[in-house]
N, C-alpha and C. Protein backbone atom coordinates (compact mmCIF):
# COMPACT_ATOMS: atom_id res chain seq x y z
N UNK A 1 126.95 192.54 140.98
CA UNK A 1 128.30 192.11 141.33
C UNK A 1 128.55 190.72 140.75
N UNK A 2 129.71 190.53 140.16
CA UNK A 2 130.03 189.26 139.53
C UNK A 2 130.17 188.15 140.55
N UNK A 3 130.82 188.41 141.66
CA UNK A 3 131.04 187.40 142.69
C UNK A 3 130.61 187.96 144.04
N UNK A 4 129.95 187.15 144.87
CA UNK A 4 129.57 187.66 146.19
C UNK A 4 130.79 187.93 147.05
N UNK A 5 130.74 189.01 147.80
CA UNK A 5 131.85 189.34 148.69
C UNK A 5 131.82 188.43 149.92
N UNK A 6 132.96 188.38 150.60
CA UNK A 6 132.99 187.62 151.86
C UNK A 6 132.06 188.25 152.89
N UNK A 7 131.84 189.54 152.78
CA UNK A 7 130.89 190.20 153.69
C UNK A 7 129.52 189.55 153.56
N UNK A 8 129.15 189.15 152.32
CA UNK A 8 127.87 188.49 152.09
C UNK A 8 127.90 187.03 152.51
N UNK A 9 128.97 186.34 152.16
CA UNK A 9 128.99 184.89 152.36
C UNK A 9 129.40 184.47 153.76
N UNK A 10 130.15 185.32 154.47
CA UNK A 10 130.71 184.91 155.76
C UNK A 10 129.96 185.50 156.95
N UNK A 11 128.92 186.28 156.71
CA UNK A 11 128.14 186.86 157.80
C UNK A 11 126.66 186.53 157.61
N UNK A 12 125.92 186.61 158.68
CA UNK A 12 124.50 186.29 158.63
C UNK A 12 123.66 187.43 158.11
N UNK A 13 122.37 187.19 157.86
CA UNK A 13 121.49 188.20 157.27
C UNK A 13 121.26 189.41 158.16
N UNK A 14 121.47 189.27 159.47
CA UNK A 14 121.25 190.39 160.37
C UNK A 14 122.53 191.16 160.67
N UNK A 15 123.64 190.72 160.09
CA UNK A 15 124.93 191.30 160.47
C UNK A 15 125.04 192.77 160.08
N UNK A 16 124.54 193.13 158.93
CA UNK A 16 124.68 194.51 158.47
C UNK A 16 124.00 195.49 159.43
N UNK A 17 122.77 195.16 159.84
CA UNK A 17 122.07 196.05 160.77
C UNK A 17 122.74 196.06 162.13
N UNK A 18 123.25 194.90 162.56
CA UNK A 18 124.01 194.86 163.81
C UNK A 18 125.21 195.79 163.73
N UNK A 19 125.89 195.78 162.59
CA UNK A 19 127.07 196.62 162.40
C UNK A 19 126.69 198.10 162.45
N UNK A 20 125.60 198.46 161.80
CA UNK A 20 125.11 199.84 161.84
C UNK A 20 124.82 200.24 163.28
N UNK A 21 124.06 199.41 163.98
CA UNK A 21 123.68 199.72 165.36
C UNK A 21 124.91 199.83 166.26
N UNK A 22 125.87 198.96 166.05
CA UNK A 22 127.08 198.97 166.87
C UNK A 22 127.81 200.30 166.75
N UNK A 23 128.00 200.77 165.53
CA UNK A 23 128.76 202.01 165.37
C UNK A 23 127.94 203.24 165.76
N UNK A 24 126.64 203.19 165.62
CA UNK A 24 125.83 204.28 166.14
C UNK A 24 125.94 204.36 167.66
N UNK A 25 125.95 203.19 168.30
CA UNK A 25 126.09 203.17 169.75
C UNK A 25 127.46 203.69 170.18
N UNK A 26 128.50 203.26 169.50
CA UNK A 26 129.86 203.73 169.82
C UNK A 26 129.94 205.25 169.66
N UNK A 27 129.35 205.77 168.60
CA UNK A 27 129.36 207.22 168.40
C UNK A 27 128.60 207.94 169.51
N UNK A 28 127.46 207.37 169.92
CA UNK A 28 126.67 207.98 170.99
C UNK A 28 127.43 207.97 172.31
N UNK A 29 128.30 206.98 172.50
CA UNK A 29 129.08 206.88 173.72
C UNK A 29 130.35 207.74 173.68
N UNK A 30 130.58 208.39 172.55
CA UNK A 30 131.75 209.26 172.44
C UNK A 30 133.03 208.54 172.11
N UNK A 31 132.94 207.33 171.56
CA UNK A 31 134.14 206.58 171.20
C UNK A 31 134.91 207.30 170.10
N UNK A 32 136.21 207.13 170.11
CA UNK A 32 137.06 207.71 169.07
C UNK A 32 136.97 206.84 167.83
N UNK A 33 136.28 207.33 166.81
CA UNK A 33 136.08 206.57 165.59
C UNK A 33 136.80 207.20 164.40
N UNK A 34 137.72 208.12 164.67
CA UNK A 34 138.32 208.90 163.59
C UNK A 34 139.81 208.67 163.43
N UNK A 35 140.33 207.59 164.00
CA UNK A 35 141.77 207.36 163.92
C UNK A 35 142.29 207.25 162.50
N UNK A 36 141.58 206.50 161.65
CA UNK A 36 142.01 206.36 160.26
C UNK A 36 141.97 207.71 159.54
N UNK A 37 140.94 208.49 159.84
CA UNK A 37 140.81 209.79 159.19
C UNK A 37 141.94 210.73 159.58
N UNK A 38 142.39 210.66 160.82
CA UNK A 38 143.51 211.52 161.24
C UNK A 38 144.77 211.20 160.45
N UNK A 39 145.00 209.91 160.22
CA UNK A 39 146.18 209.54 159.44
C UNK A 39 146.06 210.04 158.01
N UNK A 40 144.92 209.83 157.39
CA UNK A 40 144.74 210.31 156.01
C UNK A 40 144.90 211.82 155.93
N UNK A 41 144.33 212.51 156.90
CA UNK A 41 144.41 213.98 156.91
C UNK A 41 145.85 214.45 156.96
N UNK A 42 146.70 213.69 157.63
CA UNK A 42 148.11 214.07 157.71
C UNK A 42 148.87 213.78 156.43
N UNK A 43 148.32 212.94 155.57
CA UNK A 43 149.02 212.54 154.35
C UNK A 43 148.72 213.41 153.15
N UNK A 44 147.68 214.24 153.24
CA UNK A 44 147.22 214.98 152.07
C UNK A 44 147.10 216.47 152.37
N UNK A 45 147.13 217.32 151.33
CA UNK A 45 146.92 218.74 151.53
C UNK A 45 145.48 219.04 151.95
N UNK A 46 145.24 220.22 152.52
CA UNK A 46 143.87 220.62 152.84
C UNK A 46 142.98 220.60 151.60
N UNK A 47 141.75 220.25 151.81
CA UNK A 47 140.79 220.27 150.72
C UNK A 47 141.03 219.22 149.66
N UNK A 48 141.58 218.09 150.04
CA UNK A 48 141.85 217.03 149.08
C UNK A 48 140.57 216.27 148.71
N UNK A 49 140.68 215.54 147.65
CA UNK A 49 139.59 214.70 147.16
C UNK A 49 139.95 213.26 147.55
N UNK A 50 139.09 212.64 148.38
CA UNK A 50 139.43 211.36 148.98
C UNK A 50 138.36 210.32 148.70
N UNK A 51 138.81 209.12 148.30
CA UNK A 51 137.94 207.98 148.09
C UNK A 51 137.94 207.12 149.34
N UNK A 52 136.77 206.91 149.91
CA UNK A 52 136.60 206.01 151.06
C UNK A 52 136.10 204.69 150.50
N UNK A 53 137.05 203.78 150.23
CA UNK A 53 136.74 202.52 149.55
C UNK A 53 136.36 201.46 150.57
N UNK A 54 135.11 200.99 150.48
CA UNK A 54 134.57 200.13 151.52
C UNK A 54 134.16 200.98 152.71
N UNK A 55 133.35 201.98 152.45
CA UNK A 55 133.07 203.04 153.43
C UNK A 55 132.23 202.59 154.61
N UNK A 56 131.53 201.45 154.47
CA UNK A 56 130.70 201.00 155.57
C UNK A 56 129.67 202.05 155.96
N UNK A 57 129.58 202.33 157.25
CA UNK A 57 128.59 203.29 157.76
C UNK A 57 129.03 204.74 157.62
N UNK A 58 130.21 204.96 157.05
CA UNK A 58 130.64 206.33 156.73
C UNK A 58 131.42 207.04 157.79
N UNK A 59 131.84 206.36 158.85
CA UNK A 59 132.50 207.06 159.95
C UNK A 59 133.82 207.70 159.52
N UNK A 60 134.62 207.01 158.69
CA UNK A 60 135.91 207.57 158.27
C UNK A 60 135.71 208.71 157.29
N UNK A 61 134.88 208.49 156.30
CA UNK A 61 134.63 209.54 155.32
C UNK A 61 134.01 210.77 155.94
N UNK A 62 133.12 210.58 156.92
CA UNK A 62 132.50 211.73 157.59
C UNK A 62 133.54 212.54 158.34
N UNK A 63 134.46 211.87 159.01
CA UNK A 63 135.51 212.58 159.73
C UNK A 63 136.43 213.34 158.78
N UNK A 64 136.69 212.77 157.63
CA UNK A 64 137.51 213.47 156.63
C UNK A 64 136.76 214.67 156.06
N UNK A 65 135.47 214.50 155.81
CA UNK A 65 134.66 215.63 155.36
C UNK A 65 134.67 216.76 156.38
N UNK A 66 134.57 216.41 157.66
CA UNK A 66 134.59 217.42 158.71
C UNK A 66 135.91 218.18 158.74
N UNK A 67 136.97 217.56 158.23
CA UNK A 67 138.28 218.21 158.15
C UNK A 67 138.47 218.98 156.86
N UNK A 68 137.42 219.10 156.06
CA UNK A 68 137.46 219.96 154.89
C UNK A 68 137.74 219.27 153.57
N UNK A 69 137.75 217.93 153.56
CA UNK A 69 138.03 217.21 152.33
C UNK A 69 136.74 216.86 151.59
N UNK A 70 136.86 216.69 150.28
CA UNK A 70 135.75 216.20 149.47
C UNK A 70 135.83 214.69 149.44
N UNK A 71 134.76 214.03 149.84
CA UNK A 71 134.79 212.58 150.04
C UNK A 71 133.72 211.90 149.21
N UNK A 72 134.11 210.81 148.56
CA UNK A 72 133.18 209.90 147.91
C UNK A 72 133.39 208.54 148.55
N UNK A 73 132.34 207.97 149.11
CA UNK A 73 132.42 206.66 149.74
C UNK A 73 131.69 205.62 148.93
N UNK A 74 132.26 204.43 148.86
CA UNK A 74 131.67 203.33 148.10
C UNK A 74 131.68 202.07 148.96
N UNK A 75 130.56 201.36 148.96
CA UNK A 75 130.49 200.08 149.68
C UNK A 75 129.51 199.17 148.95
N UNK A 76 129.77 197.87 149.00
CA UNK A 76 128.90 196.91 148.33
C UNK A 76 127.61 196.65 149.08
N UNK A 77 127.56 197.01 150.36
CA UNK A 77 126.40 196.70 151.19
C UNK A 77 125.43 197.89 151.21
N UNK A 78 124.26 197.76 150.60
CA UNK A 78 123.32 198.89 150.56
C UNK A 78 122.80 199.30 151.94
N UNK A 79 122.76 198.36 152.89
CA UNK A 79 122.32 198.70 154.25
C UNK A 79 123.30 199.67 154.89
N UNK A 80 124.59 199.40 154.74
CA UNK A 80 125.60 200.28 155.31
C UNK A 80 125.61 201.63 154.61
N UNK A 81 125.46 201.63 153.30
CA UNK A 81 125.46 202.90 152.55
C UNK A 81 124.25 203.74 152.94
N UNK A 82 123.11 203.11 153.13
CA UNK A 82 121.92 203.86 153.55
C UNK A 82 122.14 204.48 154.93
N UNK A 83 122.80 203.76 155.82
CA UNK A 83 123.12 204.32 157.13
C UNK A 83 124.08 205.50 157.00
N UNK A 84 125.06 205.38 156.13
CA UNK A 84 125.98 206.50 155.91
C UNK A 84 125.24 207.73 155.41
N UNK A 85 124.33 207.53 154.48
CA UNK A 85 123.55 208.66 153.95
C UNK A 85 122.67 209.29 155.03
N UNK A 86 122.11 208.44 155.89
CA UNK A 86 121.23 208.95 156.94
C UNK A 86 121.99 209.70 158.03
N UNK A 87 123.20 209.22 158.34
CA UNK A 87 123.92 209.74 159.51
C UNK A 87 124.95 210.81 159.17
N UNK A 88 125.41 210.86 157.92
CA UNK A 88 126.55 211.72 157.60
C UNK A 88 126.31 212.48 156.30
N UNK A 89 125.71 213.65 156.42
CA UNK A 89 125.53 214.50 155.25
C UNK A 89 126.87 215.08 154.84
N UNK A 90 127.01 215.34 153.54
CA UNK A 90 128.22 215.99 153.04
C UNK A 90 128.94 215.16 152.00
N UNK A 91 129.51 214.00 152.38
CA UNK A 91 130.12 213.13 151.37
C UNK A 91 129.05 212.53 150.44
N UNK A 92 129.51 212.04 149.32
CA UNK A 92 128.63 211.28 148.43
C UNK A 92 128.85 209.81 148.71
N UNK A 93 127.78 209.10 149.01
CA UNK A 93 127.84 207.68 149.36
C UNK A 93 127.21 206.86 148.25
N UNK A 94 127.94 205.86 147.74
CA UNK A 94 127.49 205.08 146.60
C UNK A 94 127.57 203.59 146.91
N UNK A 95 126.63 202.82 146.36
CA UNK A 95 126.68 201.37 146.43
C UNK A 95 127.47 200.85 145.24
N UNK A 96 128.46 200.02 145.50
CA UNK A 96 129.23 199.46 144.40
C UNK A 96 130.25 198.45 144.88
N UNK A 97 130.56 197.50 144.01
CA UNK A 97 131.57 196.48 144.28
C UNK A 97 132.93 197.06 143.92
N UNK A 98 133.87 197.04 144.86
CA UNK A 98 135.18 197.61 144.60
C UNK A 98 135.91 196.88 143.47
N UNK A 99 135.58 195.63 143.23
CA UNK A 99 136.20 194.89 142.14
C UNK A 99 135.70 195.35 140.78
N UNK A 100 134.64 196.16 140.76
CA UNK A 100 134.08 196.69 139.52
C UNK A 100 134.03 198.22 139.56
N UNK A 101 134.88 198.81 140.40
CA UNK A 101 134.81 200.25 140.65
C UNK A 101 135.01 201.06 139.38
N UNK A 102 134.03 201.88 139.06
CA UNK A 102 134.08 202.76 137.89
C UNK A 102 133.28 204.02 138.22
N UNK A 103 133.93 204.92 138.95
CA UNK A 103 133.20 206.09 139.43
C UNK A 103 132.92 207.10 138.33
N UNK A 104 133.66 207.03 137.23
CA UNK A 104 133.34 207.92 136.11
C UNK A 104 131.93 207.66 135.62
N UNK A 105 131.50 206.40 135.66
CA UNK A 105 130.15 206.06 135.23
C UNK A 105 129.10 206.65 136.15
N UNK A 106 129.51 206.98 137.39
CA UNK A 106 128.59 207.60 138.35
C UNK A 106 128.75 209.12 138.38
N UNK A 107 129.49 209.66 137.41
CA UNK A 107 129.66 211.11 137.32
C UNK A 107 130.84 211.66 138.07
N UNK A 108 131.65 210.77 138.70
CA UNK A 108 132.83 211.20 139.45
C UNK A 108 134.06 211.04 138.56
N UNK A 109 134.26 212.02 137.69
CA UNK A 109 135.31 211.89 136.67
C UNK A 109 136.67 212.41 137.13
N UNK A 110 136.71 213.20 138.19
CA UNK A 110 137.99 213.71 138.67
C UNK A 110 138.74 212.64 139.44
N UNK A 111 140.05 212.56 139.26
CA UNK A 111 140.83 211.60 140.04
C UNK A 111 140.89 212.01 141.51
N UNK A 112 141.26 211.09 142.35
CA UNK A 112 141.33 211.33 143.78
C UNK A 112 142.78 211.56 144.21
N UNK A 113 142.95 212.41 145.21
CA UNK A 113 144.27 212.64 145.78
C UNK A 113 144.70 211.50 146.68
N UNK A 114 143.72 210.80 147.24
CA UNK A 114 144.02 209.73 148.18
C UNK A 114 142.83 208.80 148.29
N UNK A 115 143.10 207.62 148.81
CA UNK A 115 142.05 206.65 149.14
C UNK A 115 142.35 206.05 150.49
N UNK A 116 141.30 205.68 151.21
CA UNK A 116 141.44 204.98 152.47
C UNK A 116 140.63 203.70 152.39
N UNK A 117 141.23 202.60 152.85
CA UNK A 117 140.57 201.30 152.83
C UNK A 117 140.71 200.75 154.25
N UNK A 118 139.72 201.04 155.08
CA UNK A 118 139.79 200.73 156.51
C UNK A 118 138.84 199.58 156.84
N UNK A 119 138.81 199.20 158.12
CA UNK A 119 137.81 198.25 158.59
C UNK A 119 137.90 196.86 158.01
N UNK A 120 139.10 196.36 157.72
CA UNK A 120 139.28 195.00 157.19
C UNK A 120 138.60 194.79 155.84
N UNK A 121 138.42 195.86 155.08
CA UNK A 121 137.75 195.75 153.79
C UNK A 121 138.40 194.71 152.90
N UNK A 122 139.74 194.71 152.85
CA UNK A 122 140.42 193.79 151.94
C UNK A 122 140.17 192.33 152.30
N UNK A 123 139.82 192.07 153.53
CA UNK A 123 139.51 190.70 153.95
C UNK A 123 138.06 190.32 153.66
N UNK A 124 137.25 191.28 153.21
CA UNK A 124 135.85 191.02 152.95
C UNK A 124 135.48 191.06 151.47
N UNK A 125 136.42 191.43 150.60
CA UNK A 125 136.09 191.43 149.17
C UNK A 125 135.96 189.98 148.69
N UNK A 126 135.41 189.80 147.50
CA UNK A 126 135.22 188.45 146.98
C UNK A 126 136.56 187.75 146.80
N UNK A 127 136.63 186.46 147.14
CA UNK A 127 137.89 185.74 147.00
C UNK A 127 138.42 185.82 145.57
N UNK A 128 139.70 186.10 145.47
CA UNK A 128 140.33 186.17 144.16
C UNK A 128 140.25 187.53 143.49
N UNK A 129 139.53 188.48 144.10
CA UNK A 129 139.40 189.80 143.48
C UNK A 129 140.32 190.84 144.11
N UNK A 130 141.14 190.44 145.07
CA UNK A 130 141.93 191.42 145.81
C UNK A 130 142.81 192.26 144.89
N UNK A 131 143.48 191.61 143.96
CA UNK A 131 144.36 192.35 143.04
C UNK A 131 143.57 193.33 142.18
N UNK A 132 142.41 192.89 141.70
CA UNK A 132 141.58 193.77 140.87
C UNK A 132 141.04 194.93 141.69
N UNK A 133 140.68 194.69 142.95
CA UNK A 133 140.24 195.78 143.82
C UNK A 133 141.34 196.83 143.95
N UNK A 134 142.57 196.39 144.20
CA UNK A 134 143.68 197.33 144.32
C UNK A 134 143.93 198.05 142.99
N UNK A 135 143.80 197.34 141.89
CA UNK A 135 144.01 197.96 140.59
C UNK A 135 142.96 199.03 140.31
N UNK A 136 141.72 198.72 140.65
CA UNK A 136 140.63 199.69 140.43
C UNK A 136 140.80 200.93 141.31
N UNK A 137 141.21 200.71 142.56
CA UNK A 137 141.45 201.86 143.44
C UNK A 137 142.59 202.70 142.89
N UNK A 138 143.68 202.06 142.50
CA UNK A 138 144.84 202.78 141.96
C UNK A 138 144.46 203.58 140.72
N UNK A 139 143.60 203.02 139.89
CA UNK A 139 143.19 203.70 138.66
C UNK A 139 142.41 204.98 138.94
N UNK A 140 141.81 205.08 140.10
CA UNK A 140 141.05 206.28 140.46
C UNK A 140 141.92 207.36 141.12
N UNK A 141 143.18 207.06 141.39
CA UNK A 141 144.08 208.02 142.01
C UNK A 141 144.79 208.85 140.95
N UNK A 142 145.06 210.08 141.28
CA UNK A 142 145.93 210.88 140.41
C UNK A 142 147.36 210.36 140.56
N UNK A 143 148.22 210.64 139.57
CA UNK A 143 149.63 210.30 139.75
C UNK A 143 150.17 210.95 141.03
N UNK A 144 150.91 210.21 141.81
CA UNK A 144 151.43 210.59 143.11
C UNK A 144 150.38 210.55 144.20
N UNK A 145 149.21 209.99 143.89
CA UNK A 145 148.18 209.83 144.91
C UNK A 145 148.53 208.72 145.87
N UNK A 146 147.98 208.82 147.07
CA UNK A 146 148.35 207.90 148.15
C UNK A 146 147.12 207.11 148.60
N UNK A 147 147.37 205.89 149.08
CA UNK A 147 146.29 205.07 149.63
C UNK A 147 146.77 204.41 150.91
N UNK A 148 145.92 204.44 151.93
CA UNK A 148 146.20 203.81 153.21
C UNK A 148 145.23 202.66 153.40
N UNK A 149 145.78 201.47 153.67
CA UNK A 149 144.98 200.25 153.77
C UNK A 149 145.32 199.53 155.07
N UNK A 150 144.29 199.18 155.83
CA UNK A 150 144.52 198.46 157.07
C UNK A 150 143.65 197.22 157.17
N UNK A 151 144.24 196.12 157.63
CA UNK A 151 143.46 194.90 157.87
C UNK A 151 144.23 193.96 158.78
N UNK A 152 143.52 193.06 159.41
CA UNK A 152 144.13 192.10 160.31
C UNK A 152 144.98 191.10 159.56
N UNK A 153 146.11 190.75 160.13
CA UNK A 153 147.01 189.82 159.47
C UNK A 153 146.54 188.38 159.57
N UNK A 154 145.48 188.14 160.34
CA UNK A 154 144.95 186.79 160.51
C UNK A 154 143.60 186.61 159.82
N UNK A 155 143.33 187.45 158.82
CA UNK A 155 142.01 187.44 158.18
C UNK A 155 141.98 186.70 156.84
N UNK A 156 143.00 185.88 156.56
CA UNK A 156 142.98 185.06 155.36
C UNK A 156 143.58 185.69 154.13
N UNK A 157 144.20 186.86 154.27
CA UNK A 157 144.84 187.53 153.14
C UNK A 157 146.28 187.80 153.56
N UNK A 158 147.20 186.88 153.27
CA UNK A 158 148.58 187.03 153.72
C UNK A 158 149.22 188.32 153.20
N UNK A 159 150.04 188.92 154.04
CA UNK A 159 150.68 190.17 153.64
C UNK A 159 151.54 190.00 152.40
N UNK A 160 152.18 188.84 152.26
CA UNK A 160 152.99 188.62 151.06
C UNK A 160 152.13 188.67 149.80
N UNK A 161 150.92 188.13 149.88
CA UNK A 161 150.02 188.20 148.74
C UNK A 161 149.56 189.63 148.50
N UNK A 162 149.24 190.32 149.57
CA UNK A 162 148.83 191.73 149.46
C UNK A 162 149.93 192.56 148.81
N UNK A 163 151.17 192.38 149.26
CA UNK A 163 152.27 193.15 148.71
C UNK A 163 152.44 192.87 147.21
N UNK A 164 152.33 191.60 146.83
CA UNK A 164 152.45 191.25 145.42
C UNK A 164 151.30 191.84 144.61
N UNK A 165 150.10 191.81 145.17
CA UNK A 165 148.95 192.37 144.48
C UNK A 165 149.09 193.89 144.32
N UNK A 166 149.61 194.55 145.34
CA UNK A 166 149.79 196.00 145.27
C UNK A 166 150.78 196.37 144.16
N UNK A 167 151.88 195.64 144.08
CA UNK A 167 152.86 195.89 143.01
C UNK A 167 152.22 195.67 141.65
N UNK A 168 151.47 194.58 141.50
CA UNK A 168 150.81 194.29 140.23
C UNK A 168 149.78 195.36 139.86
N UNK A 169 149.22 196.00 140.88
CA UNK A 169 148.24 197.06 140.64
C UNK A 169 148.89 198.40 140.35
N UNK A 170 150.23 198.45 140.37
CA UNK A 170 150.93 199.69 140.05
C UNK A 170 151.14 200.60 141.23
N UNK A 171 151.11 200.04 142.42
CA UNK A 171 151.29 200.83 143.63
C UNK A 171 152.64 200.52 144.27
N UNK A 172 153.23 201.54 144.87
CA UNK A 172 154.54 201.40 145.52
C UNK A 172 154.37 201.55 147.03
N UNK A 173 154.91 200.61 147.78
CA UNK A 173 154.80 200.68 149.25
C UNK A 173 155.80 201.67 149.80
N UNK A 174 155.30 202.55 150.67
CA UNK A 174 156.15 203.56 151.32
C UNK A 174 156.36 203.29 152.80
N UNK A 175 155.31 202.84 153.49
CA UNK A 175 155.40 202.64 154.93
C UNK A 175 154.50 201.48 155.34
N UNK A 176 154.84 200.87 156.47
CA UNK A 176 153.95 199.91 157.10
C UNK A 176 154.02 200.09 158.62
N UNK A 177 152.85 200.10 159.24
CA UNK A 177 152.73 200.25 160.69
C UNK A 177 151.86 199.14 161.24
N UNK A 178 151.88 198.99 162.57
CA UNK A 178 151.09 197.96 163.22
C UNK A 178 149.71 198.45 163.64
N UNK A 179 149.49 199.76 163.58
CA UNK A 179 148.21 200.35 163.97
C UNK A 179 148.00 201.63 163.17
N UNK A 180 146.76 202.12 163.21
CA UNK A 180 146.46 203.38 162.53
C UNK A 180 147.11 204.57 163.24
N UNK A 181 147.49 204.42 164.52
CA UNK A 181 148.18 205.52 165.20
C UNK A 181 149.70 205.34 165.15
N UNK A 182 150.15 204.59 164.13
CA UNK A 182 151.56 204.55 163.73
C UNK A 182 152.48 203.85 164.73
N UNK A 183 151.97 202.85 165.43
CA UNK A 183 152.89 202.01 166.20
C UNK A 183 153.82 201.28 165.23
N UNK A 184 155.08 201.08 165.63
CA UNK A 184 156.03 200.48 164.69
C UNK A 184 155.60 199.08 164.24
N UNK A 185 155.93 198.78 163.00
CA UNK A 185 155.61 197.46 162.47
C UNK A 185 156.47 196.39 163.12
N UNK A 186 155.85 195.25 163.40
CA UNK A 186 156.54 194.06 163.88
C UNK A 186 156.05 192.87 163.07
N UNK A 187 156.92 191.93 162.83
CA UNK A 187 156.52 190.77 162.03
C UNK A 187 155.42 189.95 162.69
N UNK A 188 155.28 190.05 164.03
CA UNK A 188 154.24 189.30 164.71
C UNK A 188 152.99 190.15 164.99
N UNK A 189 152.91 191.32 164.39
CA UNK A 189 151.75 192.20 164.61
C UNK A 189 150.48 191.54 164.05
N UNK A 190 149.36 191.77 164.74
CA UNK A 190 148.11 191.17 164.29
C UNK A 190 147.31 192.11 163.39
N UNK A 191 147.89 193.27 163.08
CA UNK A 191 147.22 194.22 162.20
C UNK A 191 148.31 194.93 161.40
N UNK A 192 147.99 195.28 160.16
CA UNK A 192 148.95 195.98 159.30
C UNK A 192 148.27 197.18 158.65
N UNK A 193 148.91 198.33 158.75
CA UNK A 193 148.49 199.53 158.04
C UNK A 193 149.59 199.86 157.04
N UNK A 194 149.25 199.82 155.78
CA UNK A 194 150.23 200.02 154.72
C UNK A 194 149.91 201.28 153.94
N UNK A 195 150.92 202.11 153.75
CA UNK A 195 150.79 203.32 152.94
C UNK A 195 151.40 203.04 151.58
N UNK A 196 150.59 203.16 150.55
CA UNK A 196 151.00 202.92 149.17
C UNK A 196 150.85 204.20 148.36
N UNK A 197 151.58 204.28 147.28
CA UNK A 197 151.49 205.45 146.42
C UNK A 197 151.47 205.03 144.97
N UNK A 198 150.64 205.70 144.19
CA UNK A 198 150.68 205.54 142.74
C UNK A 198 151.83 206.43 142.24
N UNK A 199 152.83 205.87 141.61
CA UNK A 199 153.98 206.69 141.20
C UNK A 199 153.57 207.83 140.28
N UNK A 200 154.28 208.94 140.44
CA UNK A 200 154.04 210.09 139.58
C UNK A 200 154.44 209.74 138.15
N UNK A 201 153.71 210.26 137.21
CA UNK A 201 154.06 210.04 135.82
C UNK A 201 155.37 210.73 135.50
N UNK A 202 156.19 210.08 134.72
CA UNK A 202 157.46 210.67 134.31
C UNK A 202 157.37 211.03 132.83
N UNK A 203 158.08 212.08 132.49
CA UNK A 203 158.08 212.55 131.11
C UNK A 203 159.23 211.90 130.35
């Protein structure tokens, strides 16, 4: 990776394993960990091909796989990717920096119908790479493909900057909500879920 992510620089050496253990415990307790996946499932046809960008421990991608979608998950943290591989068979889990995303090099040459970027991923990428991350994700979508991105509005990435970066990456904003379960957007909301689309090619 060219630049260390904020996940590396802003958290301690034990944070990754703590994160793995936390979500394993939540799953064991029966917590609802599939909210993002339900939204994505509603946005795409059955059997879609979905990129889980910043997949972490694989909870979102696994839920999408269980709903019949083909999922490829990518995360820069090898500890989280190893947990995803151990806990969630079915999707393909890869280690990679989203700012350098090139899945064709990993044998994933087909475009994706959709992408999901959950868990404050955009607030954890390397500083200054946000626009390139969005551009790389957009490049992996088929024309008319959709991407859902959620992150806290107080995490150091202003929504105005995000919106400008999305436009520069060739994505068009369709919707914005305050939660993954589609609560209406408010300007004072502490979380934003944005639905973007790569425009269909015109002849």
